[in-house]
Structures are given as structure tokens and as C-alpha cells.
């Protein structure tokens, strides 16, 4: 299965148009949150519609910058994996939107206890899959989560969950400057970075995992 994964679009649609050939070539498009800049449902609908010109096979979660109405829109479209999961061709996908608390008091933040409950709920729906992929806006604490100020902004509950449960791949975003790929115990963690700046991940999921970073225009 081929995935094209992005995060942190923040309403910028230029990269979506430029990525159209890559979007059409993917089996599934993964959107790991922060879809909007102005935080509204209408803006989210416009951004998602631009992805849909290439494919409607979309798996998504909302970000901490997105208001609850964006989460509701994704759920209505059947794209949201927040707190739930889907098994596709034997591969299990589950999701976590929003983020752990931030100093900025952004639109959608959850306590660490709420994050843990959400992860457990989604994981139960895919537990038996041969490969399990988590789509999370926030990264785990101390893994690809260092901000421009040098502070760690990942979720402690997510880190604890990955340490205790078999997850093959965690796709995330949130901390733009922490884009990269890093292994945490048995989980490959990949922070897509900011799609507003053209950054994306190309992923092959099969017997093995292959994750490649890219930038639109390179």
C-alpha cells in the first residue's frame, strides 16, 4: 500500500495543487492535522475539496489549530480516525487529533488522560491487523518534538502508549521544525513537517515499511 502523508497545511493550498500527480499515485492520502489557518469548517471544506480533486481515499485527523467544527466535518465526510480505526487490506489505521496542552491555548487541546483514552479506543478497532499505523497530529514526547525554542512538545501519554502496544508506524506533525524519521522502540515515528512549506512523506506499507521524506518542487 502506498501512502502520501502530510501535516500542518494551515490553509495553504498551493502545495496541494502542485502535488496532484503524487496524490493520484497514492493508494491513500493521510492528513495528520492542522488543516486550517482560520480554524473554520468552511476553510477545512475548501482544503479537503482540493485533495478530493485527486482522490477521495483520505484518512485524516484534526490538529490543535483546528476547531471542533473541523473534527466534525471530517467525521461527516467519513475521513476522521480520531478515537477510531479502520482495517484496509490487512493494515490497521487509527488516529489521534488535536494535541496535548500548549502554552498558546490553541483551538483543540486534550489532557494526557483524554489522549490515552482516545488511543486505547482507536487501537481496539485494529488490534488484530498485521501492521498497525497511527495517524497522530502530536508526536510522542522526546521523539521528533523539539520546538524552535528547544522545548519538548510531544505527548507523554502517546509515548507511554507506544511503549506498551505494538504499533508499526506513527505518522505525525505539529512541530514543524522537528520533521524527520526516528525509531522509538518498535515503532517507526515520522514527522511530516509542514505541507505549507511543501514537505511530505511517501510511504510503502507491506511486509516491510519504507518511509521517504520529500518536498514539493525538489
N, C-alpha and C. Protein backbone atom coordinates (compact mmCIF):
# COMPACT_ATOMS: atom_id res chain seq x y z
N UNK A 1 0.85 -1.19 0.00
CA UNK A 1 0.00 0.00 0.00
C UNK A 1 0.88 1.25 0.00
N UNK A 2 0.56 2.18 -0.86
CA UNK A 2 1.32 3.42 -0.96
C UNK A 2 0.53 4.57 -0.32
N UNK A 3 1.18 5.26 0.62
CA UNK A 3 0.56 6.39 1.30
C UNK A 3 1.30 7.68 0.95
N UNK A 4 0.55 8.74 0.83
CA UNK A 4 1.11 10.09 0.69
C UNK A 4 0.65 10.84 1.92
N UNK A 5 1.58 11.20 2.81
CA UNK A 5 1.21 11.75 4.11
C UNK A 5 1.67 13.19 4.26
N UNK A 6 0.77 14.02 4.78
CA UNK A 6 1.08 15.44 5.02
C UNK A 6 0.53 15.86 6.37
N UNK A 7 1.02 16.99 6.86
CA UNK A 7 0.50 17.59 8.08
C UNK A 7 0.71 19.10 8.00
N UNK A 8 0.02 19.81 8.86
CA UNK A 8 0.25 21.25 9.03
C UNK A 8 0.16 22.02 7.70
N UNK A 9 -1.02 21.93 7.12
CA UNK A 9 -1.32 22.63 5.87
C UNK A 9 -1.61 24.11 6.16
N UNK A 10 -2.32 24.36 7.23
CA UNK A 10 -2.65 25.72 7.68
C UNK A 10 -3.25 26.57 6.56
N UNK A 11 -4.17 25.95 5.81
CA UNK A 11 -4.92 26.69 4.81
C UNK A 11 -4.20 26.97 3.51
N UNK A 12 -2.93 26.62 3.40
CA UNK A 12 -2.16 26.91 2.19
C UNK A 12 -2.45 25.82 1.15
N UNK A 13 -3.03 26.22 0.04
CA UNK A 13 -3.47 25.25 -0.96
C UNK A 13 -2.51 25.09 -2.14
N UNK A 14 -1.49 25.93 -2.22
CA UNK A 14 -0.59 25.87 -3.38
C UNK A 14 0.11 24.51 -3.47
N UNK A 15 0.53 23.98 -2.31
CA UNK A 15 1.22 22.69 -2.32
C UNK A 15 0.30 21.55 -2.76
N UNK A 16 -0.99 21.68 -2.45
CA UNK A 16 -1.94 20.63 -2.85
C UNK A 16 -2.02 20.56 -4.37
N UNK A 17 -2.14 21.71 -5.01
CA UNK A 17 -2.22 21.73 -6.46
C UNK A 17 -0.94 21.18 -7.08
N UNK A 18 0.21 21.56 -6.53
CA UNK A 18 1.49 21.12 -7.08
C UNK A 18 1.71 19.63 -6.88
N UNK A 19 1.09 19.06 -5.84
CA UNK A 19 1.30 17.65 -5.51
C UNK A 19 0.32 16.72 -6.21
N UNK A 20 -0.52 17.23 -7.09
CA UNK A 20 -1.59 16.42 -7.70
C UNK A 20 -1.11 15.10 -8.29
N UNK A 21 0.00 15.05 -9.04
CA UNK A 21 0.44 13.75 -9.56
C UNK A 21 0.79 12.75 -8.46
N UNK A 22 1.40 13.23 -7.38
CA UNK A 22 1.74 12.34 -6.27
C UNK A 22 0.49 11.88 -5.53
N UNK A 23 -0.47 12.75 -5.39
CA UNK A 23 -1.73 12.39 -4.73
C UNK A 23 -2.47 11.32 -5.51
N UNK A 24 -2.50 11.47 -6.84
CA UNK A 24 -3.21 10.49 -7.68
C UNK A 24 -2.51 9.14 -7.67
N UNK A 25 -1.20 9.13 -7.47
CA UNK A 25 -0.44 7.88 -7.48
C UNK A 25 -0.57 7.10 -6.18
N UNK A 26 -1.01 7.74 -5.11
CA UNK A 26 -1.09 7.08 -3.81
C UNK A 26 -2.36 6.25 -3.69
N UNK A 27 -2.29 5.17 -2.92
CA UNK A 27 -3.48 4.39 -2.60
C UNK A 27 -4.35 5.13 -1.60
N UNK A 28 -3.71 5.82 -0.63
CA UNK A 28 -4.43 6.60 0.36
C UNK A 28 -3.67 7.87 0.66
N UNK A 29 -4.41 8.96 0.87
CA UNK A 29 -3.84 10.22 1.33
C UNK A 29 -4.03 10.31 2.84
N UNK A 30 -2.97 10.61 3.56
CA UNK A 30 -3.02 10.76 5.01
C UNK A 30 -2.83 12.24 5.35
N UNK A 31 -3.75 12.79 6.15
CA UNK A 31 -3.66 14.18 6.59
C UNK A 31 -3.62 14.19 8.11
N UNK A 32 -2.47 14.60 8.68
CA UNK A 32 -2.25 14.49 10.12
C UNK A 32 -2.49 15.81 10.85
N UNK A 33 -3.53 16.54 10.46
CA UNK A 33 -3.98 17.67 11.25
C UNK A 33 -3.43 19.03 10.90
N UNK A 34 -3.96 20.04 11.57
CA UNK A 34 -3.73 21.46 11.29
C UNK A 34 -4.01 21.76 9.82
N UNK A 35 -5.24 21.49 9.47
CA UNK A 35 -5.71 21.67 8.10
C UNK A 35 -5.93 23.16 7.80
N UNK A 36 -6.35 23.90 8.81
CA UNK A 36 -6.79 25.28 8.60
C UNK A 36 -5.81 26.31 9.16
N UNK A 37 -6.00 27.54 8.68
CA UNK A 37 -5.33 28.70 9.26
C UNK A 37 -6.32 29.49 10.11
N UNK A 38 -7.53 29.68 9.56
CA UNK A 38 -8.56 30.46 10.25
C UNK A 38 -9.44 29.59 11.15
N UNK A 39 -9.18 28.29 11.17
CA UNK A 39 -9.78 27.35 12.13
C UNK A 39 -11.21 26.95 11.80
N UNK A 40 -11.77 27.33 10.66
CA UNK A 40 -13.20 27.15 10.41
C UNK A 40 -13.52 25.92 9.59
N UNK A 41 -14.77 25.50 9.70
CA UNK A 41 -15.28 24.39 8.91
C UNK A 41 -15.24 24.72 7.41
N UNK A 42 -15.61 25.94 7.06
CA UNK A 42 -15.64 26.32 5.65
C UNK A 42 -14.24 26.24 5.03
N UNK A 43 -13.25 26.69 5.78
CA UNK A 43 -11.88 26.61 5.26
C UNK A 43 -11.43 25.16 5.14
N UNK A 44 -11.76 24.33 6.13
CA UNK A 44 -11.41 22.91 6.06
C UNK A 44 -12.06 22.25 4.84
N UNK A 45 -13.32 22.60 4.58
CA UNK A 45 -14.02 22.02 3.43
C UNK A 45 -13.34 22.40 2.12
N UNK A 46 -12.87 23.63 2.03
CA UNK A 46 -12.16 24.07 0.83
C UNK A 46 -10.85 23.32 0.65
N UNK A 47 -10.09 23.18 1.73
CA UNK A 47 -8.81 22.46 1.65
C UNK A 47 -9.04 21.00 1.25
N UNK A 48 -9.98 20.34 1.92
CA UNK A 48 -10.24 18.93 1.63
C UNK A 48 -10.74 18.76 0.19
N UNK A 49 -11.56 19.68 -0.28
CA UNK A 49 -12.06 19.59 -1.65
C UNK A 49 -10.92 19.61 -2.66
N UNK A 50 -9.87 20.32 -2.37
CA UNK A 50 -8.73 20.37 -3.28
C UNK A 50 -7.99 19.03 -3.31
N UNK A 51 -7.91 18.36 -2.16
CA UNK A 51 -7.37 16.99 -2.16
C UNK A 51 -8.27 16.06 -2.95
N UNK A 52 -9.57 16.24 -2.80
CA UNK A 52 -10.54 15.34 -3.44
C UNK A 52 -10.51 15.43 -4.96
N UNK A 53 -9.96 16.48 -5.52
CA UNK A 53 -9.80 16.55 -6.97
C UNK A 53 -8.87 15.45 -7.48
N UNK A 54 -7.97 14.99 -6.61
CA UNK A 54 -7.04 13.93 -6.98
C UNK A 54 -7.49 12.57 -6.46
N UNK A 55 -8.08 12.53 -5.25
CA UNK A 55 -8.50 11.27 -4.66
C UNK A 55 -9.42 11.53 -3.48
N UNK A 56 -10.41 10.65 -3.31
CA UNK A 56 -11.28 10.72 -2.14
C UNK A 56 -10.92 9.64 -1.12
N UNK A 57 -9.82 8.96 -1.34
CA UNK A 57 -9.36 7.94 -0.38
C UNK A 57 -8.45 8.65 0.62
N UNK A 58 -9.09 9.19 1.66
CA UNK A 58 -8.43 10.07 2.61
C UNK A 58 -8.61 9.54 4.03
N UNK A 59 -7.53 9.51 4.79
CA UNK A 59 -7.54 9.20 6.21
C UNK A 59 -7.00 10.43 6.93
N UNK A 60 -7.73 10.94 7.92
CA UNK A 60 -7.34 12.23 8.49
C UNK A 60 -7.64 12.33 9.97
N UNK A 61 -6.94 13.25 10.62
CA UNK A 61 -7.29 13.72 11.96
C UNK A 61 -7.19 15.24 11.95
N UNK A 62 -7.86 15.88 12.88
CA UNK A 62 -7.77 17.32 13.05
C UNK A 62 -6.51 17.64 13.86
N UNK A 63 -6.10 18.90 13.80
CA UNK A 63 -4.95 19.33 14.60
C UNK A 63 -5.37 20.23 15.74
N UNK A 64 -4.41 20.65 16.53
CA UNK A 64 -4.73 21.54 17.64
C UNK A 64 -5.13 22.93 17.16
N UNK A 65 -4.73 23.30 15.94
CA UNK A 65 -5.12 24.60 15.37
C UNK A 65 -6.55 24.57 14.84
N UNK A 66 -7.09 23.39 14.58
CA UNK A 66 -8.43 23.23 14.01
C UNK A 66 -9.48 23.22 15.12
N UNK A 67 -10.54 23.98 14.94
CA UNK A 67 -11.62 23.99 15.92
C UNK A 67 -12.39 22.66 15.89
N UNK A 68 -13.20 22.37 16.92
CA UNK A 68 -14.01 21.15 16.92
C UNK A 68 -14.89 21.00 15.69
N UNK A 69 -15.31 22.10 15.08
CA UNK A 69 -16.15 22.01 13.88
C UNK A 69 -15.39 21.37 12.71
N UNK A 70 -14.07 21.47 12.71
CA UNK A 70 -13.27 20.80 11.67
C UNK A 70 -13.27 19.30 11.91
N UNK A 71 -13.11 18.89 13.16
CA UNK A 71 -13.22 17.47 13.51
C UNK A 71 -14.57 16.92 13.08
N UNK A 72 -15.64 17.66 13.35
CA UNK A 72 -16.98 17.21 12.98
C UNK A 72 -17.13 17.09 11.47
N UNK A 73 -16.54 18.01 10.73
CA UNK A 73 -16.61 17.94 9.27
C UNK A 73 -15.90 16.68 8.75
N UNK A 74 -14.73 16.39 9.28
CA UNK A 74 -14.00 15.19 8.86
C UNK A 74 -14.79 13.92 9.19
N UNK A 75 -15.46 13.93 10.32
CA UNK A 75 -16.30 12.77 10.69
C UNK A 75 -17.46 12.62 9.72
N UNK A 76 -18.09 13.71 9.36
CA UNK A 76 -19.22 13.66 8.41
C UNK A 76 -18.77 13.12 7.05
N UNK A 77 -17.56 13.47 6.64
CA UNK A 77 -17.03 13.01 5.36
C UNK A 77 -16.59 11.55 5.42
N UNK A 78 -16.48 10.99 6.61
CA UNK A 78 -16.00 9.62 6.74
C UNK A 78 -14.49 9.50 6.68
N UNK A 79 -13.79 10.61 6.87
CA UNK A 79 -12.32 10.62 6.77
C UNK A 79 -11.64 10.55 8.14
N UNK A 80 -12.33 10.93 9.21
CA UNK A 80 -11.69 11.06 10.51
C UNK A 80 -11.41 9.71 11.15
N UNK A 81 -10.22 9.60 11.75
CA UNK A 81 -9.86 8.41 12.52
C UNK A 81 -9.66 8.73 13.99
N UNK A 82 -10.01 9.92 14.44
CA UNK A 82 -9.82 10.30 15.83
C UNK A 82 -10.61 9.38 16.76
N UNK A 83 -9.90 8.61 17.58
CA UNK A 83 -10.53 7.72 18.53
C UNK A 83 -11.15 6.47 17.93
N UNK A 84 -10.88 6.23 16.65
CA UNK A 84 -11.42 5.04 16.00
C UNK A 84 -10.40 4.51 14.99
N UNK A 85 -10.78 3.48 14.24
CA UNK A 85 -9.83 2.91 13.30
C UNK A 85 -10.51 2.19 12.15
N UNK A 86 -9.70 1.84 11.16
CA UNK A 86 -10.16 1.08 10.00
C UNK A 86 -9.07 0.09 9.61
N UNK A 87 -9.49 -1.08 9.16
CA UNK A 87 -8.54 -2.06 8.63
C UNK A 87 -8.71 -2.09 7.12
N UNK A 88 -7.63 -1.78 6.41
CA UNK A 88 -7.64 -1.71 4.95
C UNK A 88 -6.59 -2.66 4.40
N UNK A 89 -7.03 -3.67 3.67
CA UNK A 89 -6.11 -4.66 3.10
C UNK A 89 -5.19 -5.24 4.17
N UNK A 90 -5.74 -5.51 5.33
CA UNK A 90 -5.00 -6.12 6.41
C UNK A 90 -4.18 -5.17 7.24
N UNK A 91 -4.14 -3.89 6.87
CA UNK A 91 -3.37 -2.88 7.61
C UNK A 91 -4.33 -2.06 8.45
N UNK A 92 -4.05 -1.94 9.74
CA UNK A 92 -4.90 -1.20 10.64
C UNK A 92 -4.46 0.25 10.79
N UNK A 93 -5.39 1.17 10.65
CA UNK A 93 -5.13 2.60 10.82
C UNK A 93 -6.01 3.12 11.95
N UNK A 94 -5.42 3.83 12.91
CA UNK A 94 -6.23 4.50 13.93
C UNK A 94 -5.64 5.89 14.17
N UNK A 95 -6.41 6.74 14.88
CA UNK A 95 -5.99 8.14 14.89
C UNK A 95 -6.14 8.87 16.21
N UNK A 96 -5.38 9.97 16.29
CA UNK A 96 -5.42 10.89 17.42
C UNK A 96 -5.28 12.31 16.90
N UNK A 97 -6.33 13.12 17.06
CA UNK A 97 -6.27 14.50 16.64
C UNK A 97 -5.93 15.44 17.78
N UNK A 98 -5.90 16.73 17.48
CA UNK A 98 -5.59 17.73 18.49
C UNK A 98 -4.17 17.60 19.00
N UNK A 99 -3.95 18.07 20.22
CA UNK A 99 -2.62 17.94 20.82
C UNK A 99 -2.75 17.94 22.32
N UNK A 100 -1.66 17.60 22.98
CA UNK A 100 -1.56 17.81 24.42
C UNK A 100 -1.51 19.32 24.68
N UNK A 101 -1.69 19.75 25.92
CA UNK A 101 -1.75 21.18 26.21
C UNK A 101 -0.52 21.95 25.74
N UNK A 102 -0.75 23.15 25.21
CA UNK A 102 0.32 24.03 24.75
C UNK A 102 0.27 25.36 25.50
N UNK A 103 1.35 26.12 25.49
CA UNK A 103 1.33 27.44 26.15
C UNK A 103 0.41 28.44 25.47
N UNK A 104 0.01 28.13 24.22
CA UNK A 104 -0.77 29.09 23.43
C UNK A 104 -2.27 28.90 23.56
N UNK A 105 -2.69 27.84 24.29
CA UNK A 105 -4.13 27.59 24.46
C UNK A 105 -4.84 27.57 23.12
N UNK A 106 -4.42 26.67 22.24
CA UNK A 106 -4.95 26.61 20.88
C UNK A 106 -6.34 25.96 20.84
N UNK A 107 -6.88 25.84 19.64
CA UNK A 107 -8.31 25.54 19.46
C UNK A 107 -8.73 24.18 20.00
N UNK A 108 -7.90 23.15 19.83
CA UNK A 108 -8.28 21.81 20.25
C UNK A 108 -7.12 21.13 20.94
N UNK A 109 -7.16 21.15 22.28
CA UNK A 109 -6.14 20.50 23.10
C UNK A 109 -6.82 19.52 24.05
N UNK A 110 -6.13 18.43 24.35
CA UNK A 110 -6.66 17.40 25.23
C UNK A 110 -5.70 17.16 26.39
N UNK A 111 -6.24 16.75 27.52
CA UNK A 111 -5.38 16.34 28.63
C UNK A 111 -4.69 15.03 28.25
N UNK A 112 -3.61 14.73 28.96
CA UNK A 112 -2.92 13.47 28.69
C UNK A 112 -3.84 12.28 28.97
N UNK A 113 -4.71 12.40 29.94
CA UNK A 113 -5.67 11.32 30.23
C UNK A 113 -6.63 11.12 29.07
N UNK A 114 -7.11 12.21 28.48
CA UNK A 114 -8.00 12.11 27.32
C UNK A 114 -7.28 11.50 26.13
N UNK A 115 -6.02 11.86 25.95
CA UNK A 115 -5.23 11.30 24.85
C UNK A 115 -5.08 9.79 25.02
N UNK A 116 -4.76 9.36 26.23
CA UNK A 116 -4.64 7.93 26.48
C UNK A 116 -5.93 7.17 26.19
N UNK A 117 -7.06 7.72 26.61
CA UNK A 117 -8.35 7.07 26.36
C UNK A 117 -8.66 7.01 24.87
N UNK A 118 -8.35 8.07 24.15
CA UNK A 118 -8.59 8.10 22.71
C UNK A 118 -7.74 7.05 21.99
N UNK A 119 -6.49 6.93 22.37
CA UNK A 119 -5.60 5.94 21.76
C UNK A 119 -6.09 4.52 22.03
N UNK A 120 -6.49 4.26 23.24
CA UNK A 120 -6.98 2.91 23.57
C UNK A 120 -8.23 2.57 22.78
N UNK A 121 -9.12 3.53 22.64
CA UNK A 121 -10.37 3.31 21.90
C UNK A 121 -10.09 2.97 20.44
N UNK A 122 -9.24 3.77 19.80
CA UNK A 122 -8.93 3.50 18.39
C UNK A 122 -8.17 2.21 18.19
N UNK A 123 -7.24 1.93 19.08
CA UNK A 123 -6.39 0.74 18.94
C UNK A 123 -7.21 -0.54 19.00
N UNK A 124 -8.24 -0.56 19.84
CA UNK A 124 -9.07 -1.77 19.97
C UNK A 124 -9.73 -2.16 18.65
N UNK A 125 -9.97 -1.19 17.77
CA UNK A 125 -10.64 -1.50 16.50
C UNK A 125 -9.70 -2.12 15.47
N UNK A 126 -8.38 -2.06 15.70
CA UNK A 126 -7.41 -2.55 14.71
C UNK A 126 -6.41 -3.52 15.31
N UNK A 127 -6.60 -3.92 16.54
CA UNK A 127 -5.61 -4.70 17.28
C UNK A 127 -5.13 -5.94 16.52
N UNK A 128 -6.01 -6.58 15.77
CA UNK A 128 -5.65 -7.83 15.10
C UNK A 128 -4.99 -7.68 13.75
N UNK A 129 -4.74 -6.45 13.29
CA UNK A 129 -4.18 -6.24 11.95
C UNK A 129 -2.71 -6.64 11.90
N UNK A 130 -2.26 -7.02 10.71
CA UNK A 130 -0.88 -7.48 10.53
C UNK A 130 0.12 -6.34 10.71
N UNK A 131 -0.24 -5.14 10.29
CA UNK A 131 0.55 -3.93 10.51
C UNK A 131 -0.41 -2.88 11.07
N UNK A 132 0.09 -2.07 12.00
CA UNK A 132 -0.75 -1.04 12.61
C UNK A 132 -0.08 0.32 12.43
N UNK A 133 -0.85 1.27 11.90
CA UNK A 133 -0.36 2.62 11.64
C UNK A 133 -1.20 3.61 12.44
N UNK A 134 -0.53 4.43 13.23
CA UNK A 134 -1.20 5.50 13.98
C UNK A 134 -1.01 6.82 13.24
N UNK A 135 -2.11 7.52 13.01
CA UNK A 135 -2.07 8.87 12.45
C UNK A 135 -2.38 9.82 13.60
N UNK A 136 -1.35 10.54 14.05
CA UNK A 136 -1.47 11.41 15.21
C UNK A 136 -0.98 12.80 14.84
N UNK A 137 -1.72 13.82 15.23
CA UNK A 137 -1.18 15.16 14.98
C UNK A 137 0.05 15.41 15.85
N UNK A 138 -0.05 15.09 17.12
CA UNK A 138 1.04 15.35 18.05
C UNK A 138 2.04 14.20 18.03
N UNK A 139 3.34 14.46 18.12
CA UNK A 139 4.32 13.38 18.25
C UNK A 139 4.41 12.89 19.70
N UNK A 140 5.05 11.75 19.91
CA UNK A 140 5.30 11.32 21.29
C UNK A 140 6.37 12.20 21.95
N UNK A 141 6.28 12.33 23.26
CA UNK A 141 7.26 13.14 23.99
C UNK A 141 8.68 12.62 23.76
N UNK A 142 9.58 13.54 23.48
CA UNK A 142 11.01 13.28 23.29
C UNK A 142 11.34 12.58 21.98
N UNK A 143 10.39 12.52 21.06
CA UNK A 143 10.64 11.93 19.74
C UNK A 143 10.14 12.91 18.67
N UNK A 144 11.04 13.53 17.95
CA UNK A 144 10.68 14.46 16.87
C UNK A 144 9.69 15.52 17.36
N UNK A 145 9.96 16.06 18.54
CA UNK A 145 9.03 17.02 19.14
C UNK A 145 9.72 18.26 19.69
N UNK A 146 10.98 18.50 19.31
CA UNK A 146 11.70 19.65 19.85
C UNK A 146 11.33 20.91 19.07
N UNK A 147 10.83 21.92 19.77
CA UNK A 147 10.40 23.15 19.12
C UNK A 147 11.59 24.02 18.77
N UNK A 148 11.33 25.10 18.07
CA UNK A 148 12.38 26.04 17.68
C UNK A 148 13.05 26.65 18.91
N UNK A 149 12.37 26.64 20.05
CA UNK A 149 12.94 27.16 21.29
C UNK A 149 13.66 26.08 22.09
N UNK A 150 13.74 24.86 21.52
CA UNK A 150 14.44 23.78 22.20
C UNK A 150 13.61 23.02 23.20
N UNK A 151 12.31 23.33 23.29
CA UNK A 151 11.43 22.68 24.25
C UNK A 151 10.77 21.45 23.63
N UNK A 152 10.51 20.45 24.46
CA UNK A 152 9.82 19.24 24.02
C UNK A 152 8.31 19.44 24.13
N UNK A 153 7.58 19.21 23.04
CA UNK A 153 6.15 19.48 23.00
C UNK A 153 5.30 18.26 22.65
N UNK A 154 5.88 17.07 22.71
CA UNK A 154 5.12 15.86 22.41
C UNK A 154 4.28 15.40 23.59
N UNK A 155 3.47 14.38 23.35
CA UNK A 155 2.55 13.87 24.37
C UNK A 155 3.19 12.75 25.17
N UNK A 156 3.14 12.88 26.49
CA UNK A 156 3.63 11.82 27.37
C UNK A 156 2.75 10.57 27.27
N UNK A 157 1.43 10.77 27.17
CA UNK A 157 0.52 9.63 27.07
C UNK A 157 0.76 8.85 25.79
N UNK A 158 1.04 9.54 24.70
CA UNK A 158 1.33 8.86 23.44
C UNK A 158 2.62 8.05 23.55
N UNK A 159 3.64 8.64 24.15
CA UNK A 159 4.89 7.91 24.33
C UNK A 159 4.66 6.63 25.13
N UNK A 160 3.92 6.74 26.24
CA UNK A 160 3.64 5.57 27.08
C UNK A 160 2.85 4.52 26.32
N UNK A 161 1.92 4.98 25.49
CA UNK A 161 1.10 4.04 24.72
C UNK A 161 1.96 3.27 23.72
N UNK A 162 2.83 3.96 23.01
CA UNK A 162 3.69 3.29 22.04
C UNK A 162 4.66 2.33 22.71
N UNK A 163 5.09 2.66 23.92
CA UNK A 163 6.00 1.78 24.65
C UNK A 163 5.31 0.48 25.07
N UNK A 164 3.99 0.52 25.21
CA UNK A 164 3.25 -0.63 25.75
C UNK A 164 2.48 -1.42 24.70
N UNK A 165 2.32 -0.87 23.48
CA UNK A 165 1.48 -1.52 22.48
C UNK A 165 2.19 -1.60 21.13
N UNK A 166 2.06 -2.73 20.43
CA UNK A 166 2.71 -2.86 19.12
C UNK A 166 2.07 -1.93 18.08
N UNK A 167 2.83 -0.97 17.62
CA UNK A 167 2.42 -0.06 16.54
C UNK A 167 3.59 0.01 15.57
N UNK A 168 3.34 -0.29 14.30
CA UNK A 168 4.42 -0.33 13.32
C UNK A 168 4.93 1.05 12.97
N UNK A 169 4.00 1.99 12.79
CA UNK A 169 4.34 3.31 12.26
C UNK A 169 3.46 4.36 12.91
N UNK A 170 4.07 5.46 13.34
CA UNK A 170 3.34 6.62 13.85
C UNK A 170 3.64 7.80 12.95
N UNK A 171 2.62 8.28 12.24
CA UNK A 171 2.74 9.44 11.37
C UNK A 171 2.21 10.65 12.13
N UNK A 172 3.00 11.73 12.18
CA UNK A 172 2.61 12.87 12.99
C UNK A 172 3.07 14.18 12.35
N UNK A 173 2.89 15.27 13.06
CA UNK A 173 3.28 16.60 12.59
C UNK A 173 3.45 17.51 13.78
N UNK A 174 2.70 18.63 13.81
CA UNK A 174 2.57 19.53 14.95
C UNK A 174 3.80 20.42 15.14
N UNK A 175 4.97 19.83 15.31
CA UNK A 175 6.20 20.60 15.50
C UNK A 175 6.90 20.68 14.15
N UNK A 176 6.68 21.78 13.43
CA UNK A 176 7.15 21.89 12.04
C UNK A 176 8.64 21.65 11.92
N UNK A 177 9.41 22.25 12.83
CA UNK A 177 10.87 22.20 12.72
C UNK A 177 11.45 20.85 13.12
N UNK A 178 10.60 19.92 13.60
CA UNK A 178 11.07 18.60 14.02
C UNK A 178 10.83 17.54 12.95
N UNK A 179 10.57 17.95 11.72
CA UNK A 179 10.34 16.99 10.64
C UNK A 179 11.50 16.00 10.55
N UNK A 180 11.15 14.72 10.39
CA UNK A 180 12.18 13.71 10.28
C UNK A 180 11.63 12.33 10.55
N UNK A 181 12.52 11.36 10.61
CA UNK A 181 12.16 9.96 10.83
C UNK A 181 13.06 9.42 11.93
N UNK A 182 12.46 8.77 12.91
CA UNK A 182 13.22 8.29 14.07
C UNK A 182 12.52 7.05 14.63
N UNK A 183 13.30 6.09 15.11
CA UNK A 183 12.70 4.91 15.72
C UNK A 183 12.58 5.10 17.22
N UNK A 184 11.41 4.75 17.75
CA UNK A 184 11.18 4.71 19.19
C UNK A 184 10.77 3.28 19.55
N UNK A 185 11.67 2.56 20.18
CA UNK A 185 11.45 1.16 20.49
C UNK A 185 11.04 0.41 19.22
N UNK A 186 9.85 -0.20 19.17
CA UNK A 186 9.45 -0.97 17.99
C UNK A 186 8.66 -0.16 16.97
N UNK A 187 8.50 1.13 17.21
CA UNK A 187 7.69 1.98 16.33
C UNK A 187 8.56 2.93 15.53
N UNK A 188 8.33 2.98 14.22
CA UNK A 188 8.96 3.99 13.39
C UNK A 188 8.10 5.24 13.45
N UNK A 189 8.66 6.35 13.91
CA UNK A 189 7.94 7.61 14.03
C UNK A 189 8.40 8.53 12.90
N UNK A 190 7.45 9.10 12.18
CA UNK A 190 7.77 10.00 11.06
C UNK A 190 6.96 11.28 11.20
N UNK A 191 7.66 12.40 11.41
CA UNK A 191 7.04 13.72 11.48
C UNK A 191 7.10 14.32 10.09
N UNK A 192 5.94 14.56 9.49
CA UNK A 192 5.87 15.03 8.11
C UNK A 192 6.36 16.47 7.94
N UNK A 193 6.39 17.25 9.02
CA UNK A 193 6.72 18.66 8.88
C UNK A 193 5.55 19.43 8.29
N UNK A 194 5.81 20.59 7.76
CA UNK A 194 4.76 21.49 7.29
C UNK A 194 4.52 21.35 5.78
N UNK A 195 3.32 20.90 5.42
CA UNK A 195 2.97 20.84 4.00
C UNK A 195 2.78 22.24 3.43
N UNK A 196 2.55 23.22 4.30
CA UNK A 196 2.51 24.61 3.85
C UNK A 196 3.85 24.98 3.20
N UNK A 197 4.92 24.36 3.66
CA UNK A 197 6.25 24.57 3.09
C UNK A 197 6.63 23.49 2.08
N UNK A 198 5.66 22.64 1.73
CA UNK A 198 5.88 21.64 0.70
C UNK A 198 6.39 20.31 1.18
N UNK A 199 6.56 20.12 2.48
CA UNK A 199 7.12 18.87 3.00
C UNK A 199 6.06 17.77 3.03
N UNK A 200 6.47 16.55 2.73
CA UNK A 200 5.55 15.41 2.75
C UNK A 200 6.33 14.13 3.01
N UNK A 201 5.59 13.04 3.22
CA UNK A 201 6.17 11.71 3.37
C UNK A 201 5.55 10.78 2.34
N UNK A 202 6.38 9.97 1.73
CA UNK A 202 5.93 8.90 0.84
C UNK A 202 6.21 7.58 1.54
N UNK A 203 5.20 6.73 1.67
CA UNK A 203 5.31 5.54 2.50
C UNK A 203 4.83 4.31 1.74
N UNK A 204 5.59 3.25 1.83
CA UNK A 204 5.19 1.94 1.32
C UNK A 204 4.99 1.03 2.53
N UNK A 205 3.77 0.51 2.68
CA UNK A 205 3.45 -0.38 3.80
C UNK A 205 3.19 -1.77 3.24
N UNK A 206 3.99 -2.72 3.68
CA UNK A 206 3.81 -4.11 3.27
C UNK A 206 4.43 -4.99 4.32
N UNK A 207 5.15 -6.03 3.89
CA UNK A 207 5.87 -6.85 4.85
C UNK A 207 6.90 -6.00 5.59
N UNK A 208 7.44 -5.00 4.90
CA UNK A 208 8.35 -4.03 5.50
C UNK A 208 7.77 -2.63 5.34
N UNK A 209 8.37 -1.69 6.03
CA UNK A 209 7.98 -0.29 5.93
C UNK A 209 9.09 0.49 5.26
N UNK A 210 8.70 1.35 4.33
CA UNK A 210 9.67 2.25 3.71
C UNK A 210 9.08 3.66 3.74
N UNK A 211 9.77 4.57 4.41
CA UNK A 211 9.30 5.94 4.56
C UNK A 211 10.35 6.87 3.98
N UNK A 212 9.93 7.73 3.05
CA UNK A 212 10.83 8.67 2.38
C UNK A 212 10.29 10.07 2.55
N UNK A 213 11.19 11.01 2.92
CA UNK A 213 10.79 12.41 3.03
C UNK A 213 10.93 13.09 1.67
N UNK A 214 10.06 14.06 1.40
CA UNK A 214 10.13 14.80 0.16
C UNK A 214 9.67 16.23 0.34
N UNK A 215 9.94 17.05 -0.67
CA UNK A 215 9.47 18.43 -0.70
C UNK A 215 8.94 18.72 -2.11
N UNK A 216 7.76 19.29 -2.19
CA UNK A 216 7.19 19.64 -3.48
C UNK A 216 8.13 20.61 -4.21
N UNK A 217 8.44 20.28 -5.45
CA UNK A 217 9.31 21.14 -6.25
C UNK A 217 10.74 20.69 -6.31
N UNK A 218 11.14 19.79 -5.39
CA UNK A 218 12.52 19.28 -5.43
C UNK A 218 12.69 18.25 -6.56
